[in-house]
Protein backbone atom coordinates (compact mmCIF):
# COMPACT_ATOMS: atom_id res chain seq x y z
CA MET A 1 -29.81 1.71 13.05
CA ASP A 2 -29.75 4.38 14.90
CA GLN A 3 -26.87 7.07 17.01
CA LYS A 4 -25.14 4.37 19.28
CA GLU A 5 -24.73 0.81 17.04
CA ILE A 6 -23.51 3.26 14.14
CA GLN A 7 -20.18 4.70 16.99
CA THR A 8 -19.37 1.29 17.78
CA TYR A 9 -19.56 -0.13 14.15
CA LEU A 10 -17.23 3.11 13.68
CA LEU A 11 -14.82 1.67 16.30
CA GLU A 12 -15.22 -1.86 15.53
CA LEU A 13 -13.56 -0.49 12.09
CA ASN A 14 -11.97 1.73 12.85
CA ARG A 15 -10.35 -0.15 15.33
CA LEU A 16 -9.74 -2.87 12.91
CA ASP A 17 -8.00 -0.71 10.23
CA LYS A 18 -4.82 0.75 12.91
CA ARG A 19 -4.87 -2.92 13.87
CA LEU A 20 -3.87 -3.91 10.58
CA GLY A 21 -1.42 -0.47 9.89
CA GLY A 22 0.49 -1.77 13.10
CA LEU A 23 1.07 -4.92 11.30
CA TYR A 24 2.28 -3.11 7.99
CA ARG A 25 4.16 -0.48 10.63
CA ARG A 26 5.91 -3.31 12.36
CA ALA A 27 7.02 -4.44 9.27
CA ALA A 28 8.16 -1.25 8.27
CA VAL A 29 10.20 -0.74 11.41
CA SER A 30 11.93 -4.45 11.13
CA LEU A 31 13.30 -3.51 8.33
CA GLY A 32 14.74 -0.25 8.93
CA MET A 33 12.34 2.60 6.53
CA SER A 34 8.85 3.90 6.81
CA ASP A 35 6.14 2.78 5.67
CA CYS A 36 5.65 4.54 2.54
CA ALA A 37 8.82 3.14 1.53
CA MET A 38 7.91 -0.24 2.36
CA TRP A 39 5.28 -0.12 0.55
CA ILE A 40 7.16 1.12 -3.24
CA LEU A 41 8.58 -2.15 -3.11
CA TYR A 42 6.12 -3.73 -1.80
CA MET A 43 4.43 -2.64 -5.22
CA LEU A 44 6.93 -2.76 -7.42
CA LEU A 45 7.34 -6.72 -6.20
CA LEU A 46 4.13 -7.73 -6.69
CA GLU A 47 3.21 -5.51 -9.63
CA ASP A 48 6.70 -6.63 -11.65
CA HIS A 49 6.87 -3.29 -13.45
CA GLU A 50 8.16 -0.34 -12.64
CA MET A 51 5.34 1.85 -12.16
CA THR A 52 5.92 5.92 -11.92
CA GLN A 53 5.48 8.35 -8.63
CA GLN A 54 2.62 9.50 -10.11
CA GLU A 55 0.65 6.03 -9.95
CA LEU A 56 3.48 5.13 -6.68
CA GLY A 57 1.14 7.99 -5.43
CA GLU A 58 -2.78 7.26 -6.35
CA TYR A 59 -2.70 3.89 -5.70
CA LEU A 60 -0.99 3.85 -2.24
CA GLN A 61 -2.14 7.15 -1.20
CA PHE A 62 0.66 8.82 0.34
CA PRO A 63 1.13 12.36 -0.77
CA LYS A 64 2.68 13.87 -3.39
CA GLN A 65 5.67 14.65 -0.92
CA THR A 66 5.86 11.99 0.94
CA ILE A 67 6.51 9.72 -2.56
CA ASN A 68 8.66 11.88 -3.65
CA SER A 69 11.41 11.87 -0.46
CA SER A 70 10.74 7.78 0.06
CA VAL A 71 11.95 7.23 -2.99
CA GLY A 72 14.69 9.47 -2.77
CA ALA A 73 15.74 7.64 0.49
CA LEU A 74 15.48 3.92 -1.76
CA ARG A 75 17.74 5.44 -4.08
CA ARG A 76 20.07 6.24 -1.73
CA GLN A 77 20.20 2.44 0.10
CA GLU A 78 20.52 2.28 -3.67
CA TYR A 79 17.20 0.26 -4.04
CA VAL A 80 15.63 1.25 -7.04
CA GLN A 81 16.24 3.82 -9.98
CA LEU A 82 14.45 6.40 -12.19
CA CYS A 83 14.69 5.53 -15.05
CA PRO A 84 13.24 8.13 -18.05
CA ILE A 85 10.40 6.48 -20.15
CA PRO A 86 10.58 7.04 -23.68
CA GLY A 87 8.35 9.85 -24.91
CA THR A 88 7.74 12.05 -22.56
CA LYS A 89 9.90 15.48 -21.60
CA ASN A 90 11.36 14.94 -17.71
CA LYS A 91 8.48 11.45 -16.47
CA LYS A 92 10.35 8.96 -15.05
CA ALA A 93 9.50 5.95 -13.46
CA VAL A 94 10.75 4.34 -10.79
CA SER A 95 12.06 0.86 -11.19
CA PHE A 96 14.56 -1.29 -9.07
CA THR A 97 18.32 -2.21 -8.87
CA ALA A 98 19.55 -5.90 -8.59
CA LYS A 99 20.93 -4.92 -5.01
CA GLY A 100 16.63 -3.29 -4.41
CA ARG A 101 14.95 -6.16 -6.04
CA GLN A 102 16.96 -8.96 -3.76
CA PHE A 103 15.83 -6.88 -0.62
CA ALA A 104 13.01 -6.44 -1.60
CA GLY A 105 11.76 -10.61 -2.48
CA GLU A 106 13.79 -11.55 0.58
CA GLN A 107 12.28 -9.16 2.84
CA VAL A 108 9.13 -7.90 1.86
CA GLY A 109 8.51 -10.73 0.12
CA LYS A 110 7.99 -12.14 3.34
CA ALA A 111 5.46 -9.26 4.35
CA ILE A 112 3.06 -11.28 0.84
CA GLU A 113 3.74 -14.55 1.37
CA ALA A 114 2.95 -13.65 5.61
CA GLU A 115 -0.43 -12.24 3.70
CA GLY A 116 -0.93 -15.48 1.73
CA ARG A 117 -0.94 -17.71 3.90
CA ALA A 118 -3.82 -15.47 5.50
CA ILE A 119 -5.54 -15.56 3.03
CA SER A 120 -5.35 -18.72 2.44
CA ARG A 121 -6.34 -20.08 5.73
CA MET A 122 -10.12 -18.73 4.98
CA SER A 123 -12.32 -20.19 2.63
CA ARG A 124 -12.64 -18.75 -0.58
CA GLU A 125 -16.39 -17.70 0.06
CA GLY A 126 -15.34 -15.17 2.67
CA MET A 127 -12.85 -14.09 0.81
CA ASP A 128 -15.08 -12.78 -1.26
CA ARG A 129 -17.26 -11.97 0.77
CA LEU A 130 -15.26 -10.01 2.65
CA MET A 131 -14.24 -8.60 -0.55
CA GLU A 132 -17.56 -7.30 -2.28
CA LEU A 133 -18.74 -5.45 1.22
CA TYR A 134 -15.60 -4.05 2.13
CA LYS A 135 -15.71 -2.09 -1.93
CA GLU A 136 -18.59 -1.33 -0.86
CA TYR A 137 -18.24 -0.18 2.01
CA LEU A 138 -15.27 1.88 0.55
CA GLU A 139 -17.52 3.14 -2.53
CA LEU A 140 -20.30 4.49 0.35
CA MET A 141 -17.71 6.24 2.26
CA GLN A 142 -17.28 8.07 -1.20
CA GLU A 143 -20.13 9.07 -1.66
CA GLU A 144 -20.52 9.99 2.16
CA PHE A 145 -16.87 12.10 2.04
CA GLU A 146 -18.09 13.58 -1.49
CA LYS A 147 -21.48 15.14 -0.76
CA GLU A 148 -19.68 16.42 2.10
CA GLY A 149 -16.62 17.97 0.59
CA PHE A 150 -14.41 15.84 1.60
């Protein structure tokens, strides 16, 4: 592939990525919260179990401070709580409060339902191909970024 083709693909890939991110940002804004806070509720709802702040940070790829701030905001709204993990010194798990589970189910659940409807409109083969190519692209990007020291 020549540089012009690569540049065209890069621009389109990044445009699509930003467009998808924009959909989630709009959803978060409509819920009156940050992207990170919405993603925390999303993960707790979809995973259906408590998670540590470290696990949330690793999965969501947000900085530790952003996760901590978002968890703090969600605690103030009484959507989540921090529960000590037995057998650890001071590790705590983030879990829903009853209010938070209801809010996430009713509000964040709308995004999950919309995602499900979009996926269901694609063929199984199309989704499998999308997943396969996306994984391959991410693995190759990781290799190349590591070569650059990123």
